[in-house]
PDB file of N, CA and C in Angstrom:
ATOM      1  N   ALA A   1     102.602  86.220 120.450  1.00  0.00           N
ATOM      2  CA  ALA A   1     102.241  84.375 121.636  1.00  0.00           C
ATOM      3  C   ALA A   1     102.632  83.529 120.910  1.00  0.00           C
ATOM      4  N   TYR A   2     103.501  82.351 120.545  1.00  0.00           N
ATOM      5  CA  TYR A   2     103.533  80.727 120.574  1.00  0.00           C
ATOM      6  C   TYR A   2     104.179  81.478 118.685  1.00  0.00           C
ATOM      7  N   ALA A   3     104.818  82.423 118.354  1.00  0.00           N
ATOM      8  CA  ALA A   3     105.037  82.297 116.913  1.00  0.00           C
ATOM      9  C   ALA A   3     106.296  82.170 116.490  1.00  0.00           C
ATOM     10  N   ASN A   4     106.451  81.564 115.444  1.00  0.00           N
ATOM     11  CA  ASN A   4     107.880  80.590 114.870  1.00  0.00           C
ATOM     12  C   ASN A   4     108.673  82.051 114.248  1.00  0.00           C
ATOM     13  N   ILE A   5     109.950  81.345 114.645  1.00  0.00           N
ATOM     14  CA  ILE A   5     110.875  82.022 114.801  1.00  0.00           C
ATOM     15  C   ILE A   5     112.279  81.342 114.344  1.00  0.00           C
ATOM     16  N   GLY A   6     112.516  81.396 112.687  1.00  0.00           N
ATOM     17  CA  GLY A   6     113.818  80.477 112.180  1.00  0.00           C
ATOM     18  C   GLY A   6     114.505  81.342 111.945  1.00  0.00           C
ATOM     19  N   ILE A   7     115.673  80.780 111.056  1.00  0.00           N
ATOM     20  CA  ILE A   7     116.562  81.737 110.163  1.00  0.00           C
ATOM     21  C   ILE A   7     115.859  80.901 108.817  1.00  0.00           C
ATOM     22  N   GLU A   8     116.321  81.631 108.056  1.00  0.00           N
ATOM     23  CA  GLU A   8     115.887  81.903 106.607  1.00  0.00           C
ATOM     24  C   GLU A   8     116.744  80.310 106.559  1.00  0.00           C
ATOM     25  N   ASN A   9     116.180  79.762 105.254  1.00  0.00           N
ATOM     26  CA  ASN A   9     116.824  78.859 104.678  1.00  0.00           C
ATOM     27  C   ASN A   9     117.643  77.346 105.614  1.00  0.00           C
ATOM     28  N   SER A  10     117.386  77.642 106.472  1.00  0.00           N
ATOM     29  CA  SER A  10     118.141  76.965 107.645  1.00  0.00           C
ATOM     30  C   SER A  10     117.167  75.608 108.940  1.00  0.00           C
ATOM     31  N   ALA A  11     117.264  74.728 109.201  1.00  0.00           N
ATOM     32  CA  ALA A  11     116.317  74.336 110.374  1.00  0.00           C
ATOM     33  C   ALA A  11     116.601  74.838 111.701  1.00  0.00           C
ATOM     34  N   ALA A  12     117.341  75.811 112.092  1.00  0.00           N
ATOM     35  CA  ALA A  12     117.452  76.491 113.403  1.00  0.00           C
ATOM     36  C   ALA A  12     116.104  77.034 113.225  1.00  0.00           C
ATOM     37  N   GLY A  13     115.494  77.400 114.486  1.00  0.00           N
ATOM     38  CA  GLY A  13     114.423  78.189 114.534  1.00  0.00           C
ATOM     39  C   GLY A  13     113.444  77.745 116.529  1.00  0.00           C
ATOM     40  N   THR A  14     112.985  78.481 116.294  1.00  0.00           N
ATOM     41  CA  THR A  14     112.703  78.591 118.553  1.00  0.00           C
ATOM     42  C   THR A  14     110.513  78.389 117.895  1.00  0.00           C
ATOM     43  N   LEU A  15     110.058  78.656 119.046  1.00  0.00           N
ATOM     44  CA  LEU A  15     108.794  79.263 119.199  1.00  0.00           C
ATOM     45  C   LEU A  15     108.876  80.148 120.058  1.00  0.00           C
ATOM     46  N   SER A  16     107.879  81.508 120.202  1.00  0.00           N
ATOM     47  CA  SER A  16     108.396  82.303 121.426  1.00  0.00           C
ATOM     48  C   SER A  16     107.158  81.695 122.310  1.00  0.00           C
ATOM     49  N   ASN A  17     107.500  82.167 123.516  1.00  0.00           N
ATOM     50  CA  ASN A  17     106.298  81.757 124.848  1.00  0.00           C
ATOM     51  C   ASN A  17     105.025  82.244 124.570  1.00  0.00           C
ATOM     52  N   ALA A  18     104.150  82.314 125.502  1.00  0.00           N
ATOM     53  CA  ALA A  18     102.940  82.808 125.496  1.00  0.00           C
ATOM     54  C   ALA A  18     102.787  84.390 125.572  1.00  0.00           C
ATOM     55  N   ASP A  19     103.825  85.257 126.284  1.00  0.00           N
ATOM     56  CA  ASP A  19     104.000  86.149 126.255  1.00  0.00           C
ATOM     57  C   ASP A  19     104.669  86.718 125.338  1.00  0.00           C
ATOM     58  N   GLY A  20     105.706  86.229 124.139  1.00  0.00           N
ATOM     59  CA  GLY A  20     105.944  86.624 123.208  1.00  0.00           C
ATOM     60  C   GLY A  20     107.439  86.787 123.460  1.00  0.00           C
ATOM     61  N   THR A  21     108.048  85.994 124.138  1.00  0.00           N
ATOM     62  CA  THR A  21     109.702  86.315 124.369  1.00  0.00           C
ATOM     63  C   THR A  21     110.105  85.176 123.457  1.00  0.00           C
ATOM     64  N   PHE A  22     111.069  85.424 123.309  1.00  0.00           N
ATOM     65  CA  PHE A  22     112.306  84.138 122.711  1.00  0.00           C
ATOM     66  C   PHE A  22     113.615  83.797 122.768  1.00  0.00           C
ATOM     67  N   SER A  23     114.294  83.144 123.083  1.00  0.00           N
ATOM     68  CA  SER A  23     115.870  83.134 123.035  1.00  0.00           C
ATOM     69  C   SER A  23     115.652  82.116 121.646  1.00  0.00           C
ATOM     70  N   ILE A  24     116.998  82.917 121.148  1.00  0.00           N
ATOM     71  CA  ILE A  24     117.272  81.447 119.622  1.00  0.00           C
ATOM     72  C   ILE A  24     118.825  81.730 119.369  1.00  0.00           C
ATOM     73  N   LEU A  25     119.742  80.499 119.727  1.00  0.00           N
ATOM     74  CA  LEU A  25     121.001  80.663 119.580  1.00  0.00           C
ATOM     75  C   LEU A  25     121.211  80.509 118.088  1.00  0.00           C
ATOM     76  N   VAL A  26     122.349  81.361 117.698  1.00  0.00           N
ATOM     77  CA  VAL A  26     122.424  81.637 116.047  1.00  0.00           C
ATOM     78  C   VAL A  26     124.181  80.991 115.544  1.00  0.00           C
ATOM     79  N   PRO A  27     124.001  79.806 114.783  1.00  0.00           N
ATOM     80  CA  PRO A  27     125.300  79.408 114.932  1.00  0.00           C
ATOM     81  C   PRO A  27     126.174  80.388 113.642  1.00  0.00           C
ATOM     82  N   LYS A  28     127.316  80.978 114.571  1.00  0.00           N
ATOM     83  CA  LYS A  28     128.497  81.697 113.785  1.00  0.00           C
ATOM     84  C   LYS A  28     128.359  81.304 112.214  1.00  0.00           C
ATOM     85  N   SER A  29     128.254  80.592 111.897  1.00  0.00           N
ATOM     86  CA  SER A  29     127.941  80.308 109.747  1.00  0.00           C
ATOM     87  C   SER A  29     127.017  80.822 109.461  1.00  0.00           C
ATOM     88  N   LEU A  30     125.803  81.484 110.510  1.00  0.00           N
ATOM     89  CA  LEU A  30     124.454  81.782 109.980  1.00  0.00           C
ATOM     90  C   LEU A  30     124.242  83.076 110.887  1.00  0.00           C
ATOM     91  N   SER A  31     124.771  83.715 110.867  1.00  0.00           N
ATOM     92  CA  SER A  31     125.503  85.489 111.164  1.00  0.00           C
ATOM     93  C   SER A  31     124.992  86.307 110.897  1.00  0.00           C
ATOM     94  N   ASN A  32     124.958  85.965 109.223  1.00  0.00           N
ATOM     95  CA  ASN A  32     124.903  86.797 107.964  1.00  0.00           C
ATOM     96  C   ASN A  32     123.778  86.344 107.534  1.00  0.00           C
ATOM     97  N   ASP A  33     122.639  85.910 108.427  1.00  0.00           N
ATOM     98  CA  ASP A  33     121.411  85.468 107.408  1.00  0.00           C
ATOM     99  C   ASP A  33     120.417  86.222 107.650  1.00  0.00           C
ATOM    100  N   THR A  34     119.135  85.790 107.821  1.00  0.00           N
ATOM    101  CA  THR A  34     117.686  86.465 108.075  1.00  0.00           C
ATOM    102  C   THR A  34     116.781  85.843 108.722  1.00  0.00           C
ATOM    103  N   LEU A  35     116.215  86.652 110.018  1.00  0.00           N
ATOM    104  CA  LEU A  35     115.140  85.658 110.673  1.00  0.00           C
ATOM    105  C   LEU A  35     114.201  85.893 110.561  1.00  0.00           C
ATOM    106  N   VAL A  36     113.055  85.270 110.180  1.00  0.00           N
ATOM    107  CA  VAL A  36     112.108  85.008 110.339  1.00  0.00           C
ATOM    108  C   VAL A  36     111.074  85.136 110.753  1.00  0.00           C
ATOM    109  N   PHE A  37     109.949  85.923 111.308  1.00  0.00           N
ATOM    110  CA  PHE A  37     109.120  85.389 112.148  1.00  0.00           C
ATOM    111  C   PHE A  37     107.834  85.458 111.272  1.00  0.00           C
ATOM    112  N   SER A  38     106.856  84.458 112.095  1.00  0.00           N
ATOM    113  CA  SER A  38     105.396  84.262 111.278  1.00  0.00           C
ATOM    114  C   SER A  38     104.687  82.903 112.753  1.00  0.00           C
ATOM    115  N   ALA A  39     103.019  83.527 112.598  1.00  0.00           N
ATOM    116  CA  ALA A  39     102.252  83.213 113.133  1.00  0.00           C
ATOM    117  C   ALA A  39     100.634  82.907 112.064  1.00  0.00           C
ATOM    118  N   LEU A  40     100.159  82.017 112.678  1.00  0.00           N
ATOM    119  CA  LEU A  40      99.267  81.242 112.195  1.00  0.00           C
ATOM    120  C   LEU A  40      98.232  82.676 112.155  1.00  0.00           C
ATOM    121  N   GLY A  41      97.442  83.241 111.085  1.00  0.00           N
ATOM    122  CA  GLY A  41      96.727  84.621 111.255  1.00  0.00           C
ATOM    123  C   GLY A  41      97.344  86.035 110.949  1.00  0.00           C
ATOM    124  N   PHE A  42      98.740  85.933 110.708  1.00  0.00           N
ATOM    125  CA  PHE A  42      99.479  87.160 110.750  1.00  0.00           C
ATOM    126  C   PHE A  42     100.456  86.288 109.306  1.00  0.00           C
ATOM    127  N   GLY A  43     100.559  88.010 109.234  1.00  0.00           N
ATOM    128  CA  GLY A  43     102.013  87.789 107.974  1.00  0.00           C
ATOM    129  C   GLY A  43     103.395  87.425 108.252  1.00  0.00           C
ATOM    130  N   LYS A  44     104.439  87.314 107.420  1.00  0.00           N
ATOM    131  CA  LYS A  44     105.643  87.092 107.526  1.00  0.00           C
ATOM    132  C   LYS A  44     106.320  87.906 107.901  1.00  0.00           C
ATOM    133  N   LYS A  45     107.597  88.148 108.615  1.00  0.00           N
ATOM    134  CA  LYS A  45     108.080  89.524 108.394  1.00  0.00           C
ATOM    135  C   LYS A  45     109.769  88.727 108.772  1.00  0.00           C
ATOM    136  N   ALA A  46     110.521  89.687 107.865  1.00  0.00           N
ATOM    137  CA  ALA A  46     111.862  89.192 107.681  1.00  0.00           C
ATOM    138  C   ALA A  46     113.047  89.830 108.061  1.00  0.00           C
ATOM    139  N   ILE A  47     113.981  89.945 108.953  1.00  0.00           N
ATOM    140  CA  ILE A  47     114.476  90.757 109.712  1.00  0.00           C
ATOM    141  C   ILE A  47     116.060  90.168 109.588  1.00  0.00           C
ATOM    142  N   PRO A  48     117.043  91.043 108.674  1.00  0.00           N
ATOM    143  CA  PRO A  48     118.645  90.380 108.197  1.00  0.00           C
ATOM    144  C   PRO A  48     119.131  90.361 109.987  1.00  0.00           C
ATOM    145  N   LEU A  49     120.195  89.556 110.769  1.00  0.00           N
ATOM    146  CA  LEU A  49     120.189  89.341 112.120  1.00  0.00           C
ATOM    147  C   LEU A  49     120.871  90.458 112.098  1.00  0.00           C
ATOM    148  N   ILE A  50     121.925  91.267 111.536  1.00  0.00           N
ATOM    149  CA  ILE A  50     123.059  92.056 111.242  1.00  0.00           C
ATOM    150  C   ILE A  50     122.169  93.183 112.194  1.00  0.00           C
ATOM    151  N   LEU A  51     121.106  93.014 111.888  1.00  0.00           N
ATOM    152  CA  LEU A  51     120.079  94.464 112.316  1.00  0.00           C
ATOM    153  C   LEU A  51     119.190  94.066 113.275  1.00  0.00           C
ATOM    154  N   LEU A  52     120.015  93.016 114.552  1.00  0.00           N
ATOM    155  CA  LEU A  52     119.230  93.003 115.824  1.00  0.00           C
ATOM    156  C   LEU A  52     120.698  93.020 116.481  1.00  0.00           C
ATOM    157  N   LYS A  53     120.673  93.627 117.448  1.00  0.00           N
ATOM    158  CA  LYS A  53     121.427  93.874 118.766  1.00  0.00           C
ATOM    159  C   LYS A  53     121.312  92.765 119.905  1.00  0.00           C
ATOM    160  N   PRO A  54     121.856  91.339 120.232  1.00  0.00           N
ATOM    161  CA  PRO A  54     121.637  90.826 121.242  1.00  0.00           C
ATOM    162  C   PRO A  54     121.357  91.149 122.741  1.00  0.00           C
ATOM    163  N   GLU A  55     121.815  92.741 122.839  1.00  0.00           N
ATOM    164  CA  GLU A  55     121.762  93.449 124.326  1.00  0.00           C
ATOM    165  C   GLU A  55     120.987  93.918 123.728  1.00  0.00           C
ATOM    166  N   LEU A  56     120.479  93.955 123.066  1.00  0.00           N
ATOM    167  CA  LEU A  56     118.841  95.143 123.279  1.00  0.00           C
ATOM    168  C   LEU A  56     117.907  94.079 123.610  1.00  0.00           C
ATOM    169  N   THR A  57     116.416  94.900 123.855  1.00  0.00           N
ATOM    170  CA  THR A  57     115.464  93.597 123.357  1.00  0.00           C
ATOM    171  C   THR A  57     114.676  94.458 122.672  1.00  0.00           C
ATOM    172  N   HIS A  58     114.223  94.099 121.384  1.00  0.00           N
ATOM    173  CA  HIS A  58     113.625  94.168 119.903  1.00  0.00           C
ATOM    174  C   HIS A  58     111.962  94.073 120.334  1.00  0.00           C
ATOM    175  N   THR A  59     111.122  94.559 119.336  1.00  0.00           N
ATOM    176  CA  THR A  59     109.961  94.098 119.936  1.00  0.00           C
ATOM    177  C   THR A  59     109.582  93.652 118.167  1.00  0.00           C
ATOM    178  N   ILE A  60     109.227  92.716 118.006  1.00  0.00           N
ATOM    179  CA  ILE A  60     108.690  92.426 116.433  1.00  0.00           C
ATOM    180  C   ILE A  60     107.294  92.530 116.156  1.00  0.00           C
ATOM    181  N   LEU A  61     106.268  93.193 115.894  1.00  0.00           N
ATOM    182  CA  LEU A  61     105.351  93.240 115.305  1.00  0.00           C
ATOM    183  C   LEU A  61     104.559  92.807 114.335  1.00  0.00           C
ATOM    184  N   LEU A  62     103.682  91.874 114.303  1.00  0.00           N
ATOM    185  CA  LEU A  62     103.501  91.284 112.896  1.00  0.00           C
ATOM    186  C   LEU A  62     101.858  91.434 112.610  1.00  0.00           C
ATOM    187  N   ASN A  63     101.392  91.971 111.133  1.00  0.00           N
ATOM    188  CA  ASN A  63     100.873  92.477 110.864  1.00  0.00           C
ATOM    189  C   ASN A  63      99.448  91.207 110.755  1.00  0.00           C
ATOM    190  N   GLU A  64      98.194  91.605 111.127  1.00  0.00           N
ATOM    191  CA  GLU A  64      97.117  90.453 110.913  1.00  0.00           C
ATOM    192  C   GLU A  64      97.016  90.513 109.083  1.00  0.00           C
ATOM    193  N   LYS A  65      97.078  88.893 109.012  1.00  0.00           N
ATOM    194  CA  LYS A  65      96.623  89.004 107.501  1.00  0.00           C
ATOM    195  C   LYS A  65      95.044  87.682 107.611  1.00  0.00           C
ATOM    196  N   ALA A  66      94.371  88.575 107.454  1.00  0.00           N
ATOM    197  CA  ALA A  66      92.754  87.394 107.402  1.00  0.00           C
ATOM    198  C   ALA A  66      92.550  86.900 106.138  1.00  0.00           C
ATOM    199  N   ILE A  67      92.218  85.735 105.838  1.00  0.00           N
ATOM    200  CA  ILE A  67      91.763  85.143 104.425  1.00  0.00           C
ATOM    201  C   ILE A  67      90.153  84.487 104.544  1.00  0.00           C
ATOM    202  N   GLN A  68      89.746  85.237 103.877  1.00  0.00           N
ATOM    203  CA  GLN A  68      88.246  85.281 103.563  1.00  0.00           C
ATOM    204  C   GLN A  68      88.200  83.477 102.603  1.00  0.00           C
ATOM    205  N   LEU A  69      87.407  82.729 103.328  1.00  0.00           N
ATOM    206  CA  LEU A  69      87.380  81.341 102.746  1.00  0.00           C
ATOM    207  C   LEU A  69      85.828  81.470 101.965  1.00  0.00           C
ATOM    208  N   ASN A  70      85.834  80.073 101.022  1.00  0.00           N
ATOM    209  CA  ASN A  70      85.349  80.166 100.573  1.00  0.00           C
ATOM    210  C   ASN A  70      84.140  79.285 100.917  1.00  0.00           C
ATOM    211  N   THR A  71      82.911  79.626 100.975  1.00  0.00           N
ATOM    212  CA  THR A  71      81.600  78.929 101.311  1.00  0.00           C
ATOM    213  C   THR A  71      81.201  77.749 100.729  1.00  0.00           C
ATOM    214  N   ILE A  72      81.288  76.678 101.973  1.00  0.00           N
ATOM    215  CA  ILE A  72      80.596  75.170 101.424  1.00  0.00           C
ATOM    216  C   ILE A  72      79.476  75.108 102.369  1.00  0.00           C
ATOM    217  N   THR A  73      78.886  73.978 101.468  1.00  0.00           N
ATOM    218  CA  THR A  73      77.563  73.949 102.268  1.00  0.00           C
ATOM    219  C   THR A  73      77.146  72.159 102.530  1.00  0.00           C
ATOM    220  N   ILE A  74      77.302  71.885 103.925  1.00  0.00           N
ATOM    221  CA  ILE A  74      77.116  70.339 104.058  1.00  0.00           C
ATOM    222  C   ILE A  74      76.214  69.661 104.079  1.00  0.00           C
ATOM    223  N   ALA A  75      75.314  68.518 103.255  1.00  0.00           N
ATOM    224  CA  ALA A  75      73.867  68.311 103.723  1.00  0.00           C
ATOM    225  C   ALA A  75      73.734  66.215 103.582  1.00  0.00           C
ATOM    226  N   ALA A  76      72.884  65.784 104.207  1.00  0.00           N
ATOM    227  CA  ALA A  76      73.214  64.890 104.836  1.00  0.00           C
ATOM    228  C   ALA A  76      71.374  64.308 104.409  1.00  0.00           C
ATOM    229  N   LYS A  77      71.678  63.349 103.787  1.00  0.00           N
ATOM    230  CA  LYS A  77      70.294  62.087 103.545  1.00  0.00           C
ATOM    231  C   LYS A  77      70.104  61.246 105.094  1.00  0.00           C
ATOM    232  N   ARG A  78      68.847  61.032 105.311  1.00  0.00           N
ATOM    233  CA  ARG A  78      68.652  60.132 106.244  1.00  0.00           C
ATOM    234  C   ARG A  78      68.860  58.911 105.023  1.00  0.00           C
ATOM    235  N   GLU A  79      69.138  57.435 105.927  1.00  0.00           N
ATOM    236  CA  GLU A  79      69.185  56.289 105.365  1.00  0.00           C
ATOM    237  C   GLU A  79      67.999  55.428 105.344  1.00  0.00           C
ATOM    238  N   ARG A  80      67.699  54.493 104.686  1.00  0.00           N
ATOM    239  CA  ARG A  80      66.274  53.759 105.012  1.00  0.00           C
ATOM    240  C   ARG A  80      66.132  52.549 105.437  1.00  0.00           C
ATOM    241  N   ASN A  81      66.147  52.190 106.935  1.00  0.00           N
ATOM    242  CA  ASN A  81      66.341  50.705 107.098  1.00  0.00           C
ATOM    243  C   ASN A  81      65.680  49.964 106.168  1.00  0.00           C
TER     244      ASN A  81
END
């Protein structure tokens, strides 16, 4: 759901719907390029457009990508009046 889909090195792109479906119009000049899928919390996946057939339904799965963040400590001091 809500994955970013774009043509590599291009401004052409879209966002998938809540159910993960999407539609993208690919200009003929970019038909030999690569479609890149990405989403927060997942790794990127690049698929050459030539492998995707418009008349078929494709399922693209992204692998989870967890990032361990460093621990931070927040402290506050009382202000004297």
